[in-house]
C-alpha atoms as a PDB file:
ATOM      1  CA  MET A   1     130.209 102.125 118.423  1.00  0.00           C
ATOM      2  CA  THR A   2     130.978 104.857 115.888  1.00  0.00           C
ATOM      3  CA  GLU A   3     134.629 105.897 116.125  1.00  0.00           C
ATOM      4  CA  VAL A   4     135.081 109.646 116.541  1.00  0.00           C
ATOM      5  CA  LEU A   5     137.519 111.373 114.198  1.00  0.00           C
ATOM      6  CA  GLU A   6     140.510 112.887 115.992  1.00  0.00           C
ATOM      7  CA  PRO A   7     144.184 113.580 115.163  1.00  0.00           C
ATOM      8  CA  GLY A   8     146.242 110.401 114.986  1.00  0.00           C
ATOM      9  CA  ILE A   9     143.389 107.978 114.385  1.00  0.00           C
ATOM     10  CA  LEU A  10     144.172 107.794 110.640  1.00  0.00           C
ATOM     11  CA  LYS A  11     147.878 107.083 110.318  1.00  0.00           C
ATOM     12  CA  GLY A  12     149.655 109.412 107.909  1.00  0.00           C
ATOM     13  CA  VAL A  13     146.938 112.089 107.881  1.00  0.00           C
ATOM     14  CA  ALA A  14     148.141 115.488 109.131  1.00  0.00           C
ATOM     15  CA  SER A  15     146.328 117.178 112.001  1.00  0.00           C
ATOM     16  CA  THR A  16     145.571 120.171 109.756  1.00  0.00           C
ATOM     17  CA  THR A  17     143.720 117.841 107.360  1.00  0.00           C
ATOM     18  CA  VAL A  18     141.799 116.308 110.262  1.00  0.00           C
ATOM     19  CA  ASN A  19     140.792 119.794 111.415  1.00  0.00           C
ATOM     20  CA  LYS A  20     139.515 120.613 107.910  1.00  0.00           C
ATOM     21  CA  LEU A  21     137.428 117.444 107.967  1.00  0.00           C
ATOM     22  CA  LEU A  22     136.005 118.246 111.394  1.00  0.00           C
ATOM     23  CA  LYS A  23     135.091 121.784 110.331  1.00  0.00           C
ATOM     24  CA  ALA A  24     133.353 120.345 107.262  1.00  0.00           C
ATOM     25  CA  GLY A  25     131.192 118.161 109.509  1.00  0.00           C
ATOM     26  CA  PHE A  26     133.003 114.822 109.173  1.00  0.00           C
ATOM     27  CA  THR A  27     133.083 113.963 112.870  1.00  0.00           C
ATOM     28  CA  THR A  28     133.475 110.174 112.589  1.00  0.00           C
ATOM     29  CA  VAL A  29     135.738 107.862 110.610  1.00  0.00           C
ATOM     30  CA  LYS A  30     132.733 106.043 109.146  1.00  0.00           C
ATOM     31  CA  ALA A  31     131.251 109.308 107.856  1.00  0.00           C
ATOM     32  CA  ILE A  32     134.437 109.776 105.814  1.00  0.00           C
ATOM     33  CA  ALA A  33     134.506 106.148 104.688  1.00  0.00           C
ATOM     34  CA  VAL A  34     131.016 106.290 103.153  1.00  0.00           C
ATOM     35  CA  THR A  35     131.511 109.653 101.409  1.00  0.00           C
ATOM     36  CA  PRO A  36     132.979 109.900  97.882  1.00  0.00           C
ATOM     37  CA  ALA A  37     136.459 111.471  97.749  1.00  0.00           C
ATOM     38  CA  ARG A  38     135.323 114.140  95.279  1.00  0.00           C
ATOM     39  CA  GLU A  39     132.637 115.323  97.685  1.00  0.00           C
ATOM     40  CA  ILE A  40     135.120 115.423 100.578  1.00  0.00           C
ATOM     41  CA  ALA A  41     137.526 117.484  98.480  1.00  0.00           C
ATOM     42  CA  ASP A  42     134.793 120.004  97.615  1.00  0.00           C
ATOM     43  CA  VAL A  43     133.290 120.313 101.083  1.00  0.00           C
ATOM     44  CA  ALA A  44     136.498 120.262 103.113  1.00  0.00           C
ATOM     45  CA  GLY A  45     138.508 122.396 100.692  1.00  0.00           C
ATOM     46  CA  MET A  46     141.416 120.006 100.119  1.00  0.00           C
ATOM     47  CA  GLY A  47     143.195 118.571  97.128  1.00  0.00           C
ATOM     48  CA  SER A  48     141.819 115.536  95.319  1.00  0.00           C
ATOM     49  CA  ASP A  49     144.896 113.434  96.140  1.00  0.00           C
ATOM     50  CA  THR A  50     144.580 114.213  99.838  1.00  0.00           C
ATOM     51  CA  ALA A  51     140.869 113.410  99.770  1.00  0.00           C
ATOM     52  CA  LEU A  52     141.538 110.082  98.036  1.00  0.00           C
ATOM     53  CA  LYS A  53     144.160 109.212 100.653  1.00  0.00           C
ATOM     54  CA  VAL A  54     141.836 110.116 103.533  1.00  0.00           C
ATOM     55  CA  CYS A  55     138.986 108.063 102.022  1.00  0.00           C
ATOM     56  CA  ARG A  56     141.205 105.037 101.466  1.00  0.00           C
ATOM     57  CA  LEU A  57     142.546 105.093 105.032  1.00  0.00           C
ATOM     58  CA  ALA A  58     139.073 105.586 106.514  1.00  0.00           C
ATOM     59  CA  ARG A  59     137.672 102.666 104.548  1.00  0.00           C
ATOM     60  CA  MET A  60     140.550 100.428 105.569  1.00  0.00           C
ATOM     61  CA  HIS A  61     139.886 101.466 109.173  1.00  0.00           C
ATOM     62  CA  VAL A  62     136.174 100.584 109.239  1.00  0.00           C
ATOM     63  CA  ASP A  63     135.507  98.266 106.287  1.00  0.00           C
ATOM     64  CA  PRO A  64     136.139  94.568 107.005  1.00  0.00           C
ATOM     65  CA  GLY A  65     135.714  93.703 103.312  1.00  0.00           C
ATOM     66  CA  PHE A  66     133.868  90.489 102.466  1.00  0.00           C
ATOM     67  CA  ILE A  67     132.311  88.913 105.549  1.00  0.00           C
ATOM     68  CA  PRO A  68     129.966  85.935 106.100  1.00  0.00           C
ATOM     69  CA  ALA A  69     126.264  86.698 105.802  1.00  0.00           C
ATOM     70  CA  LEU A  70     125.888  85.468 109.391  1.00  0.00           C
ATOM     71  CA  GLU A  71     127.960  88.452 110.530  1.00  0.00           C
ATOM     72  CA  VAL A  72     125.774  90.770 108.457  1.00  0.00           C
ATOM     73  CA  LEU A  73     122.775  89.318 110.280  1.00  0.00           C
ATOM     74  CA  GLU A  74     124.423  90.086 113.623  1.00  0.00           C
ATOM     75  CA  MET A  75     125.170  93.642 112.480  1.00  0.00           C
ATOM     76  CA  ARG A  76     121.532  94.126 111.486  1.00  0.00           C
ATOM     77  CA  LYS A  77     120.491  93.277 115.032  1.00  0.00           C
ATOM     78  CA  SER A  78     121.865  96.670 116.067  1.00  0.00           C
ATOM     79  CA  MET A  79     119.175  98.345 113.967  1.00  0.00           C
ATOM     80  CA  LEU A  80     116.291  99.821 115.954  1.00  0.00           C
ATOM     81  CA  LYS A  81     112.585  99.982 115.125  1.00  0.00           C
ATOM     82  CA  CYS A  82     110.400 103.005 115.851  1.00  0.00           C
ATOM     83  CA  THR A  83     106.719 102.328 116.421  1.00  0.00           C
ATOM     84  CA  THR A  84     104.087 104.173 114.406  1.00  0.00           C
ATOM     85  CA  SER A  85     101.525 103.660 117.225  1.00  0.00           C
ATOM     86  CA  SER A  86      99.528 101.381 114.900  1.00  0.00           C
ATOM     87  CA  SER A  87     100.177  97.682 115.435  1.00  0.00           C
ATOM     88  CA  GLU A  88      99.000  96.927 111.893  1.00  0.00           C
ATOM     89  CA  LEU A  89     101.249  99.574 110.337  1.00  0.00           C
ATOM     90  CA  ASP A  90     104.150  98.362 112.497  1.00  0.00           C
ATOM     91  CA  ARG A  91     103.478  94.829 111.291  1.00  0.00           C
ATOM     92  CA  ILE A  92     103.803  95.620 107.589  1.00  0.00           C
ATOM     93  CA  PHE A  93     106.909  97.682 108.424  1.00  0.00           C
ATOM     94  CA  GLY A  94     108.434  94.572 109.988  1.00  0.00           C
ATOM     95  CA  GLY A  95     108.128  95.913 113.542  1.00  0.00           C
ATOM     96  CA  GLY A  96     108.321  99.660 112.889  1.00  0.00           C
ATOM     97  CA  VAL A  97     110.330 102.181 110.916  1.00  0.00           C
ATOM     98  CA  GLU A  98     113.895 100.877 110.986  1.00  0.00           C
ATOM     99  CA  THR A  99     117.199 102.668 111.360  1.00  0.00           C
ATOM    100  CA  GLY A 100     119.967 102.374 108.782  1.00  0.00           C
ATOM    101  CA  SER A 101     117.571 102.688 105.860  1.00  0.00           C
ATOM    102  CA  ILE A 102     115.233 105.056 104.011  1.00  0.00           C
ATOM    103  CA  THR A 103     111.468 104.623 104.331  1.00  0.00           C
ATOM    104  CA  GLU A 104     109.387 106.415 101.705  1.00  0.00           C
ATOM    105  CA  LEU A 105     105.744 107.385 102.275  1.00  0.00           C
ATOM    106  CA  ILE A 106     103.934 107.972  98.979  1.00  0.00           C
ATOM    107  CA  GLY A 107     100.491 109.447  98.509  1.00  0.00           C
ATOM    108  CA  GLU A 108      98.282 112.317  97.400  1.00  0.00           C
ATOM    109  CA  PHE A 109      97.339 115.202  99.680  1.00  0.00           C
ATOM    110  CA  GLY A 110      95.378 114.097 102.761  1.00  0.00           C
ATOM    111  CA  SER A 111      96.566 110.500 102.587  1.00  0.00           C
ATOM    112  CA  GLY A 112      98.269 110.650 105.997  1.00  0.00           C
ATOM    113  CA  LYS A 113     101.952 111.090 105.116  1.00  0.00           C
ATOM    114  CA  THR A 114     102.558 114.142 107.308  1.00  0.00           C
ATOM    115  CA  GLN A 115     100.439 112.723 110.152  1.00  0.00           C
ATOM    116  CA  ILE A 116     102.640 109.620 110.238  1.00  0.00           C
ATOM    117  CA  CYS A 117     105.695 111.893 110.353  1.00  0.00           C
ATOM    118  CA  PHE A 118     104.219 113.864 113.273  1.00  0.00           C
ATOM    119  CA  THR A 119     103.510 110.656 115.184  1.00  0.00           C
ATOM    120  CA  LEU A 120     107.000 109.298 114.491  1.00  0.00           C
ATOM    121  CA  SER A 121     108.590 112.572 115.633  1.00  0.00           C
ATOM    122  CA  VAL A 122     106.941 112.023 119.032  1.00  0.00           C
ATOM    123  CA  ASN A 123     107.515 108.266 119.260  1.00  0.00           C
ATOM    124  CA  ALA A 124     111.190 108.421 118.241  1.00  0.00           C
ATOM    125  CA  GLN A 125     111.954 110.277 121.470  1.00  0.00           C
ATOM    126  CA  LEU A 126     110.565 107.457 123.605  1.00  0.00           C
ATOM    127  CA  SER A 127     112.966 104.925 125.112  1.00  0.00           C
ATOM    128  CA  LYS A 128     113.843 101.795 123.160  1.00  0.00           C
ATOM    129  CA  GLU A 129     111.790  99.749 125.640  1.00  0.00           C
ATOM    130  CA  GLU A 130     108.732 101.864 124.783  1.00  0.00           C
ATOM    131  CA  GLY A 131     109.167 101.360 121.045  1.00  0.00           C
ATOM    132  CA  GLY A 132     111.139 104.536 120.394  1.00  0.00           C
ATOM    133  CA  LEU A 133     114.690 105.273 119.292  1.00  0.00           C
ATOM    134  CA  GLY A 134     115.805 107.096 122.435  1.00  0.00           C
ATOM    135  CA  GLY A 135     116.989 110.200 120.586  1.00  0.00           C
ATOM    136  CA  ASN A 136     116.017 113.482 118.998  1.00  0.00           C
ATOM    137  CA  VAL A 137     114.405 114.232 115.644  1.00  0.00           C
ATOM    138  CA  CYS A 138     115.422 116.413 112.697  1.00  0.00           C
ATOM    139  CA  ALA A 139     112.707 117.586 110.301  1.00  0.00           C
ATOM    140  CA  ILE A 140     113.345 119.286 106.952  1.00  0.00           C
ATOM    141  CA  ASP A 141     110.091 121.010 105.991  1.00  0.00           C
ATOM    142  CA  THR A 142     109.897 121.863 102.286  1.00  0.00           C
ATOM    143  CA  GLU A 143     106.175 122.684 102.048  1.00  0.00           C
ATOM    144  CA  GLY A 144     105.477 124.613 105.248  1.00  0.00           C
ATOM    145  CA  THR A 145     103.433 121.739 106.678  1.00  0.00           C
ATOM    146  CA  PHE A 146     105.197 121.289 110.023  1.00  0.00           C
ATOM    147  CA  MET A 147     102.714 122.282 112.725  1.00  0.00           C
ATOM    148  CA  PRO A 148     104.089 122.268 116.307  1.00  0.00           C
ATOM    149  CA  GLU A 149     100.522 122.552 117.627  1.00  0.00           C
ATOM    150  CA  ARG A 150      99.686 119.180 116.090  1.00  0.00           C
ATOM    151  CA  VAL A 151     102.820 117.595 117.574  1.00  0.00           C
ATOM    152  CA  MET A 152     101.845 119.032 120.968  1.00  0.00           C
ATOM    153  CA  GLN A 153      98.371 117.538 120.641  1.00  0.00           C
ATOM    154  CA  ILE A 154      99.746 114.074 119.855  1.00  0.00           C
ATOM    155  CA  ALA A 155     102.193 114.274 122.773  1.00  0.00           C
ATOM    156  CA  GLN A 156      99.495 115.420 125.188  1.00  0.00           C
ATOM    157  CA  GLU A 157      97.099 112.692 124.063  1.00  0.00           C
ATOM    158  CA  LYS A 158      99.856 110.183 124.826  1.00  0.00           C
ATOM    159  CA  GLY A 159     100.402 111.695 128.281  1.00  0.00           C
ATOM    160  CA  LEU A 160     103.856 113.048 127.444  1.00  0.00           C
ATOM    161  CA  ASP A 161     105.514 116.379 128.250  1.00  0.00           C
ATOM    162  CA  ALA A 162     104.633 118.304 125.077  1.00  0.00           C
ATOM    163  CA  GLU A 163     107.226 121.043 125.560  1.00  0.00           C
ATOM    164  CA  LYS A 164     109.985 118.484 126.077  1.00  0.00           C
ATOM    165  CA  ILE A 165     108.910 116.684 122.911  1.00  0.00           C
ATOM    166  CA  LEU A 166     109.044 119.938 120.911  1.00  0.00           C
ATOM    167  CA  GLU A 167     112.499 120.711 122.314  1.00  0.00           C
ATOM    168  CA  GLY A 168     113.658 117.361 120.927  1.00  0.00           C
ATOM    169  CA  ILE A 169     112.612 118.214 117.356  1.00  0.00           C
ATOM    170  CA  LEU A 170     114.957 120.378 115.292  1.00  0.00           C
ATOM    171  CA  VAL A 171     113.115 121.916 112.337  1.00  0.00           C
ATOM    172  CA  ALA A 172     114.516 123.621 109.250  1.00  0.00           C
ATOM    173  CA  ARG A 173     112.378 125.204 106.539  1.00  0.00           C
ATOM    174  CA  ALA A 174     113.850 124.562 103.084  1.00  0.00           C
ATOM    175  CA  TYR A 175     112.812 127.326 100.684  1.00  0.00           C
ATOM    176  CA  ASN A 176     114.201 125.833  97.464  1.00  0.00           C
ATOM    177  CA  SER A 177     116.016 122.743  96.215  1.00  0.00           C
ATOM    178  CA  GLU A 178     119.479 124.245  96.729  1.00  0.00           C
ATOM    179  CA  HIS A 179     118.649 125.145 100.324  1.00  0.00           C
ATOM    180  CA  GLN A 180     117.270 121.627 100.791  1.00  0.00           C
ATOM    181  CA  ALA A 181     120.530 120.127  99.480  1.00  0.00           C
ATOM    182  CA  ILE A 182     122.570 122.318 101.862  1.00  0.00           C
ATOM    183  CA  LEU A 183     120.482 121.204 104.832  1.00  0.00           C
ATOM    184  CA  ILE A 184     120.892 117.549 103.853  1.00  0.00           C
ATOM    185  CA  SER A 185     124.663 117.945 103.465  1.00  0.00           C
ATOM    186  CA  SER A 186     124.850 119.395 107.009  1.00  0.00           C
ATOM    187  CA  LEU A 187     123.159 116.349 108.557  1.00  0.00           C
ATOM    188  CA  PRO A 188     126.292 114.349 109.560  1.00  0.00           C
ATOM    189  CA  GLU A 189     127.477 117.052 111.946  1.00  0.00           C
ATOM    190  CA  LEU A 190     123.954 117.704 113.270  1.00  0.00           C
ATOM    191  CA  VAL A 191     123.199 114.018 113.820  1.00  0.00           C
ATOM    192  CA  GLU A 192     126.396 113.540 115.798  1.00  0.00           C
ATOM    193  CA  ARG A 193     126.087 116.764 117.823  1.00  0.00           C
ATOM    194  CA  SER A 194     122.382 116.584 118.686  1.00  0.00           C
ATOM    195  CA  ASN A 195     121.828 112.819 119.114  1.00  0.00           C
ATOM    196  CA  ILE A 196     119.464 112.661 116.140  1.00  0.00           C
ATOM    197  CA  LYS A 197     117.871 109.247 115.643  1.00  0.00           C
ATOM    198  CA  LEU A 198     115.182 110.133 113.096  1.00  0.00           C
ATOM    199  CA  VAL A 199     115.429 112.408 110.036  1.00  0.00           C
ATOM    200  CA  ILE A 200     112.225 113.441 108.254  1.00  0.00           C
ATOM    201  CA  VAL A 201     112.064 115.195 104.870  1.00  0.00           C
ATOM    202  CA  ASP A 202     108.504 116.314 104.058  1.00  0.00           C
ATOM    203  CA  SER A 203     108.432 116.323 101.097  1.00  0.00           C
ATOM    204  CA  MET A 204     111.511 115.158  99.235  1.00  0.00           C
ATOM    205  CA  ILE A 205     110.438 115.983  95.704  1.00  0.00           C
ATOM    206  CA  GLY A 206     108.333 119.170  95.975  1.00  0.00           C
ATOM    207  CA  HIS A 207     110.986 121.802  95.198  1.00  0.00           C
ATOM    208  CA  PHE A 208     112.577 119.694  92.453  1.00  0.00           C
ATOM    209  CA  ARG A 209     109.229 119.355  90.665  1.00  0.00           C
ATOM    210  CA  GLY A 210     108.568 123.085  90.910  1.00  0.00           C
ATOM    211  CA  GLU A 211     111.997 124.313  89.815  1.00  0.00           C
ATOM    212  CA  TYR A 212     113.038 121.833  87.098  1.00  0.00           C
ATOM    213  CA  ILE A 213     110.125 122.005  84.660  1.00  0.00           C
ATOM    214  CA  GLY A 214     110.011 120.275  81.289  1.00  0.00           C
ATOM    215  CA  ARG A 215     111.962 117.455  79.680  1.00  0.00           C
ATOM    216  CA  ALA A 216     114.954 119.704  79.010  1.00  0.00           C
ATOM    217  CA  ASN A 217     115.572 119.992  82.762  1.00  0.00           C
ATOM    218  CA  LEU A 218     114.666 116.417  83.696  1.00  0.00           C
ATOM    219  CA  SER A 219     118.225 115.080  83.594  1.00  0.00           C
ATOM    220  CA  MET A 220     119.577 117.875  85.805  1.00  0.00           C
ATOM    221  CA  ARG A 221     116.685 117.434  88.240  1.00  0.00           C
ATOM    222  CA  GLN A 222     117.274 113.697  88.564  1.00  0.00           C
ATOM    223  CA  GLN A 223     121.022 114.181  89.077  1.00  0.00           C
ATOM    224  CA  LYS A 224     120.510 116.648  91.916  1.00  0.00           C
ATOM    225  CA  LEU A 225     117.780 114.510  93.449  1.00  0.00           C
ATOM    226  CA  ALA A 226     120.023 111.435  93.266  1.00  0.00           C
ATOM    227  CA  SER A 227     122.830 113.327  95.004  1.00  0.00           C
ATOM    228  CA  CYS A 228     120.533 114.294  97.914  1.00  0.00           C
ATOM    229  CA  LEU A 229     119.160 110.764  98.237  1.00  0.00           C
ATOM    230  CA  SER A 230     122.653 109.261  98.163  1.00  0.00           C
ATOM    231  CA  HIS A 231     123.714 111.601 100.953  1.00  0.00           C
ATOM    232  CA  LEU A 232     120.675 110.651 103.046  1.00  0.00           C
ATOM    233  CA  LEU A 233     121.376 106.936 102.642  1.00  0.00           C
ATOM    234  CA  ARG A 234     124.982 107.430 103.731  1.00  0.00           C
ATOM    235  CA  VAL A 235     123.783 109.287 106.838  1.00  0.00           C
ATOM    236  CA  ALA A 236     121.354 106.451 107.617  1.00  0.00           C
ATOM    237  CA  GLU A 237     124.049 103.787 107.342  1.00  0.00           C
ATOM    238  CA  ALA A 238     126.933 105.685 108.931  1.00  0.00           C
ATOM    239  CA  PHE A 239     125.003 106.860 111.999  1.00  0.00           C
ATOM    240  CA  ASN A 240     122.328 104.149 112.252  1.00  0.00           C
ATOM    241  CA  VAL A 241     119.455 106.631 112.072  1.00  0.00           C
ATOM    242  CA  ALA A 242     116.017 106.228 110.498  1.00  0.00           C
ATOM    243  CA  ILE A 243     115.284 108.337 107.415  1.00  0.00           C
ATOM    244  CA  VAL A 244     111.644 108.956 106.485  1.00  0.00           C
ATOM    245  CA  LEU A 245     110.779 110.756 103.240  1.00  0.00           C
ATOM    246  CA  THR A 246     107.384 111.739 101.912  1.00  0.00           C
ATOM    247  CA  ASN A 247     106.745 111.696  98.185  1.00  0.00           C
ATOM    248  CA  GLN A 248     103.986 113.081  96.005  1.00  0.00           C
ATOM    249  CA  VAL A 249     102.098 111.316  93.227  1.00  0.00           C
ATOM    250  CA  LEU A 250     101.787 112.036  89.521  1.00  0.00           C
ATOM    251  CA  ALA A 251      98.460 111.432  87.806  1.00  0.00           C
ATOM    252  CA  THR A 252      98.621 109.398  84.586  1.00  0.00           C
ATOM    253  CA  PRO A 253      95.179 109.767  82.929  1.00  0.00           C
ATOM    254  CA  ASP A 254      96.015 107.292  80.158  1.00  0.00           C
ATOM    255  CA  THR A 255      96.121 104.405  82.663  1.00  0.00           C
ATOM    256  CA  MET A 256      93.420 101.922  81.640  1.00  0.00           C
ATOM    257  CA  TYR A 257      93.520  99.673  84.703  1.00  0.00           C
ATOM    258  CA  GLY A 258      94.687 100.104  88.285  1.00  0.00           C
ATOM    259  CA  ASP A 259      95.592 103.253  90.173  1.00  0.00           C
ATOM    260  CA  PRO A 260      96.400 106.194  87.834  1.00  0.00           C
ATOM    261  CA  ASN A 261      98.544 107.837  90.533  1.00  0.00           C
ATOM    262  CA  LYS A 262     102.249 106.998  90.316  1.00  0.00           C
ATOM    263  CA  PRO A 263     105.094 108.043  92.647  1.00  0.00           C
ATOM    264  CA  THR A 264     107.119 111.014  91.437  1.00  0.00           C
ATOM    265  CA  GLY A 265     110.892 110.925  91.186  1.00  0.00           C
ATOM    266  CA  GLY A 266     111.079 108.040  88.733  1.00  0.00           C
ATOM    267  CA  HIS A 267     113.697 105.321  89.034  1.00  0.00           C
ATOM    268  CA  VAL A 268     116.068 107.550  90.994  1.00  0.00           C
ATOM    269  CA  MET A 269     113.623 107.716  93.895  1.00  0.00           C
ATOM    270  CA  ALA A 270     112.652 104.066  93.551  1.00  0.00           C
ATOM    271  CA  HIS A 271     116.211 102.749  93.720  1.00  0.00           C
ATOM    272  CA  ALA A 272     117.349 105.007  96.565  1.00  0.00           C
ATOM    273  CA  CYS A 273     114.588 104.172  99.057  1.00  0.00           C
ATOM    274  CA  THR A 274     114.761 100.914 100.996  1.00  0.00           C
ATOM    275  CA  HIS A 275     111.093 100.534 101.861  1.00  0.00           C
ATOM    276  CA  ARG A 276     108.291 102.170  99.827  1.00  0.00           C
ATOM    277  CA  VAL A 277     104.760 102.444 101.192  1.00  0.00           C
ATOM    278  CA  PHE A 278     101.816 103.786  99.197  1.00  0.00           C
ATOM    279  CA  LEU A 279      99.076 105.578 101.153  1.00  0.00           C
ATOM    280  CA  ARG A 280      95.566 106.531 100.087  1.00  0.00           C
ATOM    281  CA  LYS A 281      92.317 107.652 101.631  1.00  0.00           C
ATOM    282  CA  GLY A 282      89.874 105.007 102.839  1.00  0.00           C
ATOM    283  CA  LYS A 283      86.321 104.967 104.133  1.00  0.00           C
ATOM    284  CA  GLN A 284      85.134 106.546 107.404  1.00  0.00           C
ATOM    285  CA  ASN A 285      88.248 108.666 108.072  1.00  0.00           C
ATOM    286  CA  THR A 286      90.634 105.753 107.616  1.00  0.00           C
ATOM    287  CA  ARG A 287      93.695 105.396 105.395  1.00  0.00           C
ATOM    288  CA  LEU A 288      95.076 102.444 103.452  1.00  0.00           C
ATOM    289  CA  ALA A 289      98.782 101.607 103.463  1.00  0.00           C
ATOM    290  CA  ARG A 290     100.406  99.189 101.047  1.00  0.00           C
ATOM    291  CA  VAL A 291     104.043  98.130 100.799  1.00  0.00           C
ATOM    292  CA  ILE A 292     104.905  98.409  97.105  1.00  0.00           C
ATOM    293  CA  ASP A 293     108.647  97.731  97.254  1.00  0.00           C
ATOM    294  CA  SER A 294     111.027  96.400  99.895  1.00  0.00           C
ATOM    295  CA  PRO A 295     113.931  93.926 100.010  1.00  0.00           C
ATOM    296  CA  SER A 296     112.514  92.272 103.140  1.00  0.00           C
ATOM    297  CA  LEU A 297     108.834  93.168 103.571  1.00  0.00           C
ATOM    298  CA  PRO A 298     105.952  91.390 101.793  1.00  0.00           C
ATOM    299  CA  GLU A 299     103.557  93.419  99.654  1.00  0.00           C
ATOM    300  CA  GLU A 300     100.622  93.772 101.991  1.00  0.00           C
ATOM    301  CA  ARG A 301      97.805  96.264 102.510  1.00  0.00           C
ATOM    302  CA  ILE A 302      96.361  97.359 105.862  1.00  0.00           C
ATOM    303  CA  ARG A 303      93.983 100.010 107.208  1.00  0.00           C
ATOM    304  CA  PHE A 304      94.769 102.601 109.897  1.00  0.00           C
ATOM    305  CA  ALA A 305      93.121 105.715 111.299  1.00  0.00           C
ATOM    306  CA  ILE A 306      94.187 109.242 112.235  1.00  0.00           C
ATOM    307  CA  THR A 307      92.999 110.605 115.591  1.00  0.00           C
ATOM    308  CA  GLY A 308      93.995 113.291 118.065  1.00  0.00           C
ATOM    309  CA  ALA A 309      96.687 110.913 119.328  1.00  0.00           C
ATOM    310  CA  GLY A 310      98.147 110.539 115.846  1.00  0.00           C
ATOM    311  CA  ILE A 311      98.222 107.208 114.012  1.00  0.00           C
ATOM    312  CA  VAL A 312      96.186 104.347 115.509  1.00  0.00           C
ATOM    313  CA  ASP A 313      94.695 101.050 114.397  1.00  0.00           C
ATOM    314  CA  ALA A 314      91.392 101.384 112.559  1.00  0.00           C
ATOM    315  CA  GLU A 315      88.341  99.982 114.308  1.00  0.00           C
ATOM    316  CA  GLU A 316      86.869  96.911 112.670  1.00  0.00           C
END
């Protein structure tokens, strides 16, 4: 159970400091513990020494230090899995899209990334017994691709109350990379207040590619991208929510063998995401999904289809 931040819970921290933290969106002790002191000082408007003290106390409060791996295994049992509605896709995901981590969907246009996100935004609101996460969904739309009509169609095909499903999805349109970063930084408060269990960013890299052009701006772009990804991972771990990002591909014409399309974002994106899945178009309105990087999932390729009901298993 996540411990709520309130005056007196961190010994030696004044109530005025606690109020600053609450106003800045740090509603739980763990949210403070996983956030760098410099970021807390900037966001909450307090001195660096005070921020360091608050961080140290919060970490002492929630961090048990070194623990046996068996206890880590028990902690991981609290993670939930959200079904994609495709048994094959669920299988290569290890049972579904998991909470506490970042899942990256990579592919060119039309490969099914957004359709998976639409299906997950419906399924996440189902009960845990039905393969959902039992909570609401937050979607950050950077490309103007969120279509409520499509979400309604998927919900109706599944026999669900479409209006209720739409009420459970909070959507924000990010118009540039700075706006996207602001929306991501506001997630801790939103997740806590609105019972968010799934966060979708579609797509993660689009604005950064369009605004930071050329090698001269590459370093700045990667730094800002890394900051956003780090914040998302902290949200996933602190609040046990699932984070799903979509990523574009970059064509490399000089590739002699294999797929010339490579994920954008470089090593920053690769290191930040827990599970990476590459999608591409298949035959007869199907799509191919392949796990290309994961600490726990084998590299495997499967086929799925997109229908009116969202993602389903492809017919043999």
